[in-house]
Amino acid sequence: MGGCCSSPKKELPEKKQNRLQQNHRRSFSIQQAPQPFGAAETVSEVPAFSEFSFADLKAATNGFSSENIVSESGEKAPNLVYKGRLQSRRWIAVKKFTKMAWPDPKQFADEAWGVGKLRHRRLANLIGYCCDGDERLLVAEYMPNDTLAKHLFHWENQTIEWAMRLRVAYYIAEALEYCSSEGRPLYHDLNAYRVLFDEDGDPRLSCFGLMKNSRDGKSYSTNLAYTPPEYLRNGRVTPESVIFSFGTVLLDLLSGKHIPPTHVS
């Protein structure tokens, strides 16, 4: 099922950004009548959720090569995300946890299947998982055009236009509303790094944040400066926490800078 394929030629950063900026400038009118929040949208090209073998994913990521790493997290949520390609030619994102991040394989499988039931065009959807021995991996749609954080904070000379910032805010609100309507109201560690851009330059919300922390069922945060007050008290996310975190994303969109909510005056 998985296959090792040669990676495509890498684009120069400025060429890649120019291409994304062109996508950003596609016709986008706030006069358009949007879909109602929470309206489920069938994503026909996304495969059904399934279980992968470790060999499949190892082959797809060139043996989990360091050259395929697209994201790293710290001690609070230790994991790596790799770019991979299956024999079907589909590009995937593979999140690989540390060996004992999920000690209970049934807990991991149940949580993955719960998130894997979701399908929406505003999500970078979860398409599979692997629970092989001590290995715990998640497989999602691959988003080739980086994160909101990258575009807001690291490409200062080519800022995102306001029309696209509005699109990001609206689309992510749609994704959160859909998840809530499907019984998954808690999104963990929502921030600008969880917003990804697909091949068309449209923003999507990463499905990985829908998985709760593995060790104790609590939530996790990769940046305490952006966490809701209740998380600092009890280490748990509530629906109200998600609203707070969404507000931090809006603050990022408005300012174009990392400004923790506690520093806003």
C-alpha atoms as a PDB file:
ATOM      1  CA  MET A   1       0.000   0.000   0.000  1.00  0.00           C
ATOM      2  CA  GLY A   2       2.820   2.381   0.879  1.00  0.00           C
ATOM      3  CA  GLY A   3       5.607   3.090  -1.510  1.00  0.00           C
ATOM      4  CA  CYS A   4       8.878   4.931  -1.509  1.00  0.00           C
ATOM      5  CA  CYS A   5       8.901   7.548  -4.233  1.00  0.00           C
ATOM      6  CA  SER A   6      11.433  10.197  -4.995  1.00  0.00           C
ATOM      7  CA  SER A   7      10.577  13.640  -3.653  1.00  0.00           C
ATOM      8  CA  PRO A   8       9.704  16.383  -6.131  1.00  0.00           C
ATOM      9  CA  LYS A   9      12.188  19.145  -6.826  1.00  0.00           C
ATOM     10  CA  LYS A  10      12.092  21.740  -4.065  1.00  0.00           C
ATOM     11  CA  GLU A  11      10.922  25.196  -4.996  1.00  0.00           C
ATOM     12  CA  LEU A  12      12.932  28.196  -3.965  1.00  0.00           C
ATOM     13  CA  PRO A  13      11.198  29.913  -1.020  1.00  0.00           C
ATOM     14  CA  GLU A  14      10.479  33.062  -3.002  1.00  0.00           C
ATOM     15  CA  LYS A  15       8.972  31.095  -5.896  1.00  0.00           C
ATOM     16  CA  LYS A  16       6.822  29.079  -3.530  1.00  0.00           C
ATOM     17  CA  GLN A  17       5.622  32.214  -1.779  1.00  0.00           C
ATOM     18  CA  ASN A  18       4.888  33.950  -5.075  1.00  0.00           C
ATOM     19  CA  ARG A  19       2.781  30.980  -6.161  1.00  0.00           C
ATOM     20  CA  LEU A  20       0.860  31.048  -2.882  1.00  0.00           C
ATOM     21  CA  GLN A  21       0.347  34.789  -3.170  1.00  0.00           C
ATOM     22  CA  GLN A  22      -1.152  34.237  -6.617  1.00  0.00           C
ATOM     23  CA  ASN A  23      -3.562  31.751  -5.063  1.00  0.00           C
ATOM     24  CA  HIS A  24      -4.350  34.297  -2.349  1.00  0.00           C
ATOM     25  CA  ARG A  25      -5.337  36.786  -5.039  1.00  0.00           C
ATOM     26  CA  ARG A  26      -7.952  34.511  -6.550  1.00  0.00           C
ATOM     27  CA  SER A  27     -11.343  36.121  -6.769  1.00  0.00           C
ATOM     28  CA  PHE A  28     -12.684  36.317  -3.219  1.00  0.00           C
ATOM     29  CA  SER A  29     -15.681  38.454  -2.496  1.00  0.00           C
ATOM     30  CA  ILE A  30     -17.089  38.875   0.988  1.00  0.00           C
ATOM     31  CA  GLN A  31     -20.361  39.595  -0.810  1.00  0.00           C
ATOM     32  CA  GLN A  32     -20.638  35.897  -1.696  1.00  0.00           C
ATOM     33  CA  ALA A  33     -23.305  34.034   0.256  1.00  0.00           C
ATOM     34  CA  PRO A  34     -21.369  31.594   2.469  1.00  0.00           C
ATOM     35  CA  GLN A  35     -22.487  28.115   3.407  1.00  0.00           C
ATOM     36  CA  PRO A  36     -24.210  27.972   6.814  1.00  0.00           C
ATOM     37  CA  PHE A  37     -21.836  27.159   9.674  1.00  0.00           C
ATOM     38  CA  GLY A  38     -21.719  23.474  10.449  1.00  0.00           C
ATOM     39  CA  ALA A  39     -23.056  22.404   7.053  1.00  0.00           C
ATOM     40  CA  ALA A  40     -21.346  19.070   6.439  1.00  0.00           C
ATOM     41  CA  GLU A  41     -19.631  18.898   3.107  1.00  0.00           C
ATOM     42  CA  THR A  42     -18.784  15.588   1.503  1.00  0.00           C
ATOM     43  CA  VAL A  43     -15.147  15.459   0.469  1.00  0.00           C
ATOM     44  CA  SER A  44     -15.339  12.765  -2.167  1.00  0.00           C
ATOM     45  CA  GLU A  45     -11.644  12.680  -3.044  1.00  0.00           C
ATOM     46  CA  VAL A  46     -10.609  11.909   0.547  1.00  0.00           C
ATOM     47  CA  PRO A  47     -10.252   8.149   1.089  1.00  0.00           C
ATOM     48  CA  ALA A  48     -12.134   6.345   3.810  1.00  0.00           C
ATOM     49  CA  PHE A  49     -10.371   6.166   7.166  1.00  0.00           C
ATOM     50  CA  SER A  50      -8.278   3.009   7.473  1.00  0.00           C
ATOM     51  CA  GLU A  51      -5.414   1.312   9.292  1.00  0.00           C
ATOM     52  CA  PHE A  52      -1.908   1.417   7.783  1.00  0.00           C
ATOM     53  CA  SER A  53       0.968  -0.922   8.466  1.00  0.00           C
ATOM     54  CA  PHE A  54       4.199   0.489   9.842  1.00  0.00           C
ATOM     55  CA  ALA A  55       6.008  -0.840   6.764  1.00  0.00           C
ATOM     56  CA  ASP A  56       3.660   1.151   4.508  1.00  0.00           C
ATOM     57  CA  LEU A  57       4.376   4.402   6.293  1.00  0.00           C
ATOM     58  CA  LYS A  58       8.091   3.750   6.606  1.00  0.00           C
ATOM     59  CA  ALA A  59       8.304   3.228   2.865  1.00  0.00           C
ATOM     60  CA  ALA A  60       6.144   6.266   2.116  1.00  0.00           C
ATOM     61  CA  THR A  61       8.424   8.555   4.146  1.00  0.00           C
ATOM     62  CA  ASN A  62      11.727   7.178   2.838  1.00  0.00           C
ATOM     63  CA  GLY A  63      12.374   5.408   6.112  1.00  0.00           C
ATOM     64  CA  PHE A  64      11.227   8.420   8.151  1.00  0.00           C
ATOM     65  CA  SER A  65      14.053  10.416   6.670  1.00  0.00           C
ATOM     66  CA  SER A  66      14.992  13.657   8.399  1.00  0.00           C
ATOM     67  CA  GLU A  67      14.631  15.310   4.990  1.00  0.00           C
ATOM     68  CA  ASN A  68      10.911  14.505   5.111  1.00  0.00           C
ATOM     69  CA  ILE A  69      10.263  16.211   8.470  1.00  0.00           C
ATOM     70  CA  VAL A  70       7.838  19.099   8.061  1.00  0.00           C
ATOM     71  CA  SER A  71       7.008  19.792  11.722  1.00  0.00           C
ATOM     72  CA  GLU A  72       8.407  19.161  15.178  1.00  0.00           C
ATOM     73  CA  SER A  73       6.836  19.638  18.602  1.00  0.00           C
ATOM     74  CA  GLY A  74       8.344  19.951  22.033  1.00  0.00           C
ATOM     75  CA  GLU A  75       8.134  18.060  25.292  1.00  0.00           C
ATOM     76  CA  LYS A  76       4.467  18.794  25.969  1.00  0.00           C
ATOM     77  CA  ALA A  77       3.358  16.988  22.808  1.00  0.00           C
ATOM     78  CA  PRO A  78       6.401  15.034  21.610  1.00  0.00           C
ATOM     79  CA  ASN A  79       5.994  14.062  17.975  1.00  0.00           C
ATOM     80  CA  LEU A  80       7.314  14.545  14.482  1.00  0.00           C
ATOM     81  CA  VAL A  81       5.321  15.106  11.301  1.00  0.00           C
ATOM     82  CA  TYR A  82       6.712  13.733   8.039  1.00  0.00           C
ATOM     83  CA  LYS A  83       5.759  14.250   4.431  1.00  0.00           C
ATOM     84  CA  GLY A  84       5.147  10.960   2.643  1.00  0.00           C
ATOM     85  CA  ARG A  85       3.825   9.522  -0.594  1.00  0.00           C
ATOM     86  CA  LEU A  86       1.849   6.330  -1.065  1.00  0.00           C
ATOM     87  CA  GLN A  87       1.945   3.978  -4.027  1.00  0.00           C
ATOM     88  CA  SER A  88      -1.331   5.560  -5.101  1.00  0.00           C
ATOM     89  CA  ARG A  89       0.705   8.759  -5.583  1.00  0.00           C
ATOM     90  CA  ARG A  90      -1.244  10.492  -2.826  1.00  0.00           C
ATOM     91  CA  TRP A  91       0.821  12.795  -0.629  1.00  0.00           C
ATOM     92  CA  ILE A  92       0.258  12.342   3.096  1.00  0.00           C
ATOM     93  CA  ALA A  93       1.321  13.846   6.408  1.00  0.00           C
ATOM     94  CA  VAL A  94       2.431  11.253   8.955  1.00  0.00           C
ATOM     95  CA  LYS A  95       2.529  12.183  12.633  1.00  0.00           C
ATOM     96  CA  LYS A  96       4.849   9.868  14.569  1.00  0.00           C
ATOM     97  CA  PHE A  97       4.614   9.822  18.347  1.00  0.00           C
ATOM     98  CA  THR A  98       7.298   8.682  20.767  1.00  0.00           C
ATOM     99  CA  LYS A  99       7.082   4.980  21.540  1.00  0.00           C
ATOM    100  CA  MET A 100       5.196   5.262  24.803  1.00  0.00           C
ATOM    101  CA  ALA A 101       3.162   8.386  24.062  1.00  0.00           C
ATOM    102  CA  TRP A 102       0.071   6.185  23.827  1.00  0.00           C
ATOM    103  CA  PRO A 103       0.665   3.176  26.124  1.00  0.00           C
ATOM    104  CA  ASP A 104      -2.810   1.769  25.505  1.00  0.00           C
ATOM    105  CA  PRO A 105      -3.218   0.753  21.833  1.00  0.00           C
ATOM    106  CA  LYS A 106      -7.014   0.484  22.141  1.00  0.00           C
ATOM    107  CA  GLN A 107      -7.239   4.039  23.489  1.00  0.00           C
ATOM    108  CA  PHE A 108      -5.169   5.288  20.564  1.00  0.00           C
ATOM    109  CA  ALA A 109      -7.199   3.372  17.980  1.00  0.00           C
ATOM    110  CA  ASP A 110     -10.527   4.498  19.458  1.00  0.00           C
ATOM    111  CA  GLU A 111      -9.439   8.131  19.517  1.00  0.00           C
ATOM    112  CA  ALA A 112      -8.120   7.949  15.954  1.00  0.00           C
ATOM    113  CA  TRP A 113     -11.305   6.340  14.637  1.00  0.00           C
ATOM    114  CA  GLY A 114     -13.369   9.031  16.348  1.00  0.00           C
ATOM    115  CA  VAL A 115     -11.460  11.813  14.607  1.00  0.00           C
ATOM    116  CA  GLY A 116     -11.280   9.803  11.376  1.00  0.00           C
ATOM    117  CA  LYS A 117     -15.063   9.875  11.009  1.00  0.00           C
ATOM    118  CA  LEU A 118     -14.937  13.614  10.328  1.00  0.00           C
ATOM    119  CA  ARG A 119     -14.901  14.786   6.728  1.00  0.00           C
ATOM    120  CA  HIS A 120     -15.029  18.450   5.759  1.00  0.00           C
ATOM    121  CA  ARG A 121     -13.377  20.619   3.147  1.00  0.00           C
ATOM    122  CA  ARG A 122     -12.199  23.052   5.837  1.00  0.00           C
ATOM    123  CA  LEU A 123     -10.199  20.306   7.578  1.00  0.00           C
ATOM    124  CA  ALA A 124      -6.921  18.660   6.739  1.00  0.00           C
ATOM    125  CA  ASN A 125      -8.723  15.352   7.237  1.00  0.00           C
ATOM    126  CA  LEU A 126      -7.404  12.311   9.087  1.00  0.00           C
ATOM    127  CA  ILE A 127      -7.268   9.371   6.684  1.00  0.00           C
ATOM    128  CA  GLY A 128      -5.677   6.650   8.785  1.00  0.00           C
ATOM    129  CA  TYR A 129      -3.572   5.474  11.688  1.00  0.00           C
ATOM    130  CA  CYS A 130      -0.980   2.841  12.570  1.00  0.00           C
ATOM    131  CA  CYS A 131      -0.845   0.922  15.842  1.00  0.00           C
ATOM    132  CA  ASP A 132       1.947  -1.612  15.326  1.00  0.00           C
ATOM    133  CA  GLY A 133       3.787  -2.822  18.431  1.00  0.00           C
ATOM    134  CA  ASP A 134       4.992   0.289  20.228  1.00  0.00           C
ATOM    135  CA  GLU A 135       4.492   2.446  17.153  1.00  0.00           C
ATOM    136  CA  ARG A 136       1.700   5.030  17.137  1.00  0.00           C
ATOM    137  CA  LEU A 137       1.175   7.087  13.977  1.00  0.00           C
ATOM    138  CA  LEU A 138      -1.541   9.232  12.425  1.00  0.00           C
ATOM    139  CA  VAL A 139      -1.993   9.820   8.691  1.00  0.00           C
ATOM    140  CA  ALA A 140      -3.640  12.944   7.304  1.00  0.00           C
ATOM    141  CA  GLU A 141      -4.040  14.835   4.061  1.00  0.00           C
ATOM    142  CA  TYR A 142      -0.843  16.674   3.192  1.00  0.00           C
ATOM    143  CA  MET A 143      -1.058  20.451   2.926  1.00  0.00           C
ATOM    144  CA  PRO A 144       1.819  21.698   0.711  1.00  0.00           C
ATOM    145  CA  ASN A 145       1.693  25.444   1.340  1.00  0.00           C
ATOM    146  CA  ASP A 146       2.893  25.751   4.927  1.00  0.00           C
ATOM    147  CA  THR A 147       1.196  27.170   8.014  1.00  0.00           C
ATOM    148  CA  LEU A 148      -0.528  30.428   8.852  1.00  0.00           C
ATOM    149  CA  ALA A 149       2.275  31.127  11.317  1.00  0.00           C
ATOM    150  CA  LYS A 150       4.864  30.829   8.558  1.00  0.00           C
ATOM    151  CA  HIS A 151       3.029  33.308   6.339  1.00  0.00           C
ATOM    152  CA  LEU A 152       2.227  35.780   9.111  1.00  0.00           C
ATOM    153  CA  PHE A 153       5.439  35.771  11.091  1.00  0.00           C
ATOM    154  CA  HIS A 154       8.264  34.617   8.831  1.00  0.00           C
ATOM    155  CA  TRP A 155       7.595  36.261   5.474  1.00  0.00           C
ATOM    156  CA  GLU A 156       7.400  39.870   6.574  1.00  0.00           C
ATOM    157  CA  ASN A 157       8.061  41.300   3.109  1.00  0.00           C
ATOM    158  CA  GLN A 158       5.099  39.446   1.573  1.00  0.00           C
ATOM    159  CA  THR A 159       2.215  39.764   3.970  1.00  0.00           C
ATOM    160  CA  ILE A 160      -1.113  38.011   3.567  1.00  0.00           C
ATOM    161  CA  GLU A 161      -3.730  40.275   2.049  1.00  0.00           C
ATOM    162  CA  TRP A 162      -6.743  41.245   4.154  1.00  0.00           C
ATOM    163  CA  ALA A 163      -9.131  39.281   1.967  1.00  0.00           C
ATOM    164  CA  MET A 164      -7.184  36.125   2.751  1.00  0.00           C
ATOM    165  CA  ARG A 165      -7.050  36.941   6.456  1.00  0.00           C
ATOM    166  CA  LEU A 166     -10.841  37.168   6.422  1.00  0.00           C
ATOM    167  CA  ARG A 167     -10.985  33.874   4.564  1.00  0.00           C
ATOM    168  CA  VAL A 168      -8.789  32.230   7.215  1.00  0.00           C
ATOM    169  CA  ALA A 169     -10.972  33.484  10.065  1.00  0.00           C
ATOM    170  CA  TYR A 170     -14.186  32.374   8.395  1.00  0.00           C
ATOM    171  CA  TYR A 171     -12.952  28.982   7.210  1.00  0.00           C
ATOM    172  CA  ILE A 172     -11.455  28.030  10.571  1.00  0.00           C
ATOM    173  CA  ALA A 173     -14.675  29.072  12.322  1.00  0.00           C
ATOM    174  CA  GLU A 174     -16.524  26.815   9.869  1.00  0.00           C
ATOM    175  CA  ALA A 175     -14.223  23.910  10.662  1.00  0.00           C
ATOM    176  CA  LEU A 176     -14.633  24.343  14.422  1.00  0.00           C
ATOM    177  CA  GLU A 177     -18.414  24.608  14.125  1.00  0.00           C
ATOM    178  CA  TYR A 178     -18.558  21.461  12.017  1.00  0.00           C
ATOM    179  CA  CYS A 179     -16.440  19.519  14.511  1.00  0.00           C
ATOM    180  CA  SER A 180     -18.634  20.685  17.370  1.00  0.00           C
ATOM    181  CA  SER A 181     -21.795  19.675  15.511  1.00  0.00           C
ATOM    182  CA  GLU A 182     -20.282  16.201  15.001  1.00  0.00           C
ATOM    183  CA  GLY A 183     -19.562  15.693  18.694  1.00  0.00           C
ATOM    184  CA  ARG A 184     -15.901  16.804  18.692  1.00  0.00           C
ATOM    185  CA  PRO A 185     -16.121  20.269  20.310  1.00  0.00           C
ATOM    186  CA  LEU A 186     -12.686  20.216  21.924  1.00  0.00           C
ATOM    187  CA  TYR A 187      -9.729  21.363  19.849  1.00  0.00           C
ATOM    188  CA  HIS A 188      -6.382  21.189  21.623  1.00  0.00           C
ATOM    189  CA  ASP A 189      -3.614  23.735  21.234  1.00  0.00           C
ATOM    190  CA  LEU A 190      -5.347  25.878  18.617  1.00  0.00           C
ATOM    191  CA  ASN A 191      -2.889  28.406  17.216  1.00  0.00           C
ATOM    192  CA  ALA A 192      -1.521  29.757  13.942  1.00  0.00           C
ATOM    193  CA  TYR A 193       0.599  26.626  13.452  1.00  0.00           C
ATOM    194  CA  ARG A 194      -2.565  24.507  13.262  1.00  0.00           C
ATOM    195  CA  VAL A 195      -3.857  26.412  10.239  1.00  0.00           C
ATOM    196  CA  LEU A 196      -2.492  24.942   7.005  1.00  0.00           C
ATOM    197  CA  PHE A 197      -2.766  25.968   3.356  1.00  0.00           C
ATOM    198  CA  ASP A 198      -3.750  23.386   0.754  1.00  0.00           C
ATOM    199  CA  GLU A 199      -2.660  23.089  -2.878  1.00  0.00           C
ATOM    200  CA  ASP A 200      -5.186  25.754  -3.892  1.00  0.00           C
ATOM    201  CA  GLY A 201      -3.955  28.206  -1.281  1.00  0.00           C
ATOM    202  CA  ASP A 202      -7.046  27.768   0.889  1.00  0.00           C
ATOM    203  CA  PRO A 203      -6.728  27.550   4.692  1.00  0.00           C
ATOM    204  CA  ARG A 204      -7.623  24.348   6.519  1.00  0.00           C
ATOM    205  CA  LEU A 205      -7.590  23.321  10.153  1.00  0.00           C
ATOM    206  CA  SER A 206      -5.277  20.451  11.078  1.00  0.00           C
ATOM    207  CA  CYS A 207      -7.120  17.371  12.316  1.00  0.00           C
ATOM    208  CA  PHE A 208      -4.262  16.537  14.704  1.00  0.00           C
ATOM    209  CA  GLY A 209      -5.527  19.072  17.258  1.00  0.00           C
ATOM    210  CA  LEU A 210      -8.713  17.036  17.665  1.00  0.00           C
ATOM    211  CA  MET A 211      -6.746  14.250  19.376  1.00  0.00           C
ATOM    212  CA  LYS A 212      -6.491  14.706  23.140  1.00  0.00           C
ATOM    213  CA  ASN A 213      -3.298  14.104  25.044  1.00  0.00           C
ATOM    214  CA  SER A 214      -2.421  10.457  25.332  1.00  0.00           C
ATOM    215  CA  ARG A 215      -1.014   9.932  28.787  1.00  0.00           C
ATOM    216  CA  ASP A 216      -3.850  11.128  31.017  1.00  0.00           C
ATOM    217  CA  GLY A 217      -6.644  12.216  28.718  1.00  0.00           C
ATOM    218  CA  LYS A 218      -5.893  15.851  29.466  1.00  0.00           C
ATOM    219  CA  SER A 219      -5.115  18.553  26.968  1.00  0.00           C
ATOM    220  CA  TYR A 220      -1.729  19.861  25.961  1.00  0.00           C
ATOM    221  CA  SER A 221      -0.195  23.126  24.870  1.00  0.00           C
ATOM    222  CA  THR A 222       2.983  23.930  22.994  1.00  0.00           C
ATOM    223  CA  ASN A 223       2.937  27.582  24.128  1.00  0.00           C
ATOM    224  CA  LEU A 224       1.668  28.425  27.598  1.00  0.00           C
ATOM    225  CA  ALA A 225       1.518  32.151  26.740  1.00  0.00           C
ATOM    226  CA  TYR A 226      -1.449  31.412  24.459  1.00  0.00           C
ATOM    227  CA  THR A 227      -3.338  28.951  26.643  1.00  0.00           C
ATOM    228  CA  PRO A 228      -6.762  29.659  28.196  1.00  0.00           C
ATOM    229  CA  PRO A 229      -6.773  30.517  31.941  1.00  0.00           C
ATOM    230  CA  GLU A 230      -8.607  27.309  32.857  1.00  0.00           C
ATOM    231  CA  TYR A 231      -5.882  25.215  31.230  1.00  0.00           C
ATOM    232  CA  LEU A 232      -3.311  26.749  33.569  1.00  0.00           C
ATOM    233  CA  ARG A 233      -5.533  25.787  36.522  1.00  0.00           C
ATOM    234  CA  ASN A 234      -6.514  22.214  35.669  1.00  0.00           C
ATOM    235  CA  GLY A 235      -4.823  21.210  32.424  1.00  0.00           C
ATOM    236  CA  ARG A 236      -8.090  20.671  30.573  1.00  0.00           C
ATOM    237  CA  VAL A 237      -9.695  22.212  27.511  1.00  0.00           C
ATOM    238  CA  THR A 238     -13.399  23.120  27.504  1.00  0.00           C
ATOM    239  CA  PRO A 239     -15.580  24.426  24.656  1.00  0.00           C
ATOM    240  CA  GLU A 240     -15.010  27.905  26.090  1.00  0.00           C
ATOM    241  CA  SER A 241     -11.262  27.302  25.899  1.00  0.00           C
ATOM    242  CA  VAL A 242     -11.560  26.753  22.158  1.00  0.00           C
ATOM    243  CA  ILE A 243     -13.271  30.136  21.803  1.00  0.00           C
ATOM    244  CA  PHE A 244     -10.410  31.755  23.716  1.00  0.00           C
ATOM    245  CA  SER A 245      -7.836  30.045  21.505  1.00  0.00           C
ATOM    246  CA  PHE A 246      -9.718  31.052  18.362  1.00  0.00           C
ATOM    247  CA  GLY A 247      -9.495  34.616  19.638  1.00  0.00           C
ATOM    248  CA  THR A 248      -5.703  34.310  19.775  1.00  0.00           C
ATOM    249  CA  VAL A 249      -5.724  33.273  16.104  1.00  0.00           C
ATOM    250  CA  LEU A 250      -7.837  36.332  15.279  1.00  0.00           C
ATOM    251  CA  LEU A 251      -5.324  38.467  17.175  1.00  0.00           C
ATOM    252  CA  ASP A 252      -2.520  36.964  15.096  1.00  0.00           C
ATOM    253  CA  LEU A 253      -4.460  37.703  11.907  1.00  0.00           C
ATOM    254  CA  LEU A 254      -5.121  41.322  12.910  1.00  0.00           C
ATOM    255  CA  SER A 255      -1.620  42.127  14.106  1.00  0.00           C
ATOM    256  CA  GLY A 256       0.528  39.845  11.973  1.00  0.00           C
ATOM    257  CA  LYS A 257       2.647  39.297  15.090  1.00  0.00           C
ATOM    258  CA  HIS A 258       2.953  36.921  18.027  1.00  0.00           C
ATOM    259  CA  ILE A 259       1.126  38.823  20.770  1.00  0.00           C
ATOM    260  CA  PRO A 260       0.084  36.611  23.693  1.00  0.00           C
ATOM    261  CA  PRO A 261      -3.395  37.561  24.979  1.00  0.00           C
ATOM    262  CA  THR A 262      -1.907  38.454  28.394  1.00  0.00           C
ATOM    263  CA  HIS A 263       0.225  41.125  26.699  1.00  0.00           C
ATOM    264  CA  VAL A 264      -2.638  42.879  24.917  1.00  0.00           C
ATOM    265  CA  SER A 265      -3.493  46.289  26.345  1.00  0.00           C
END
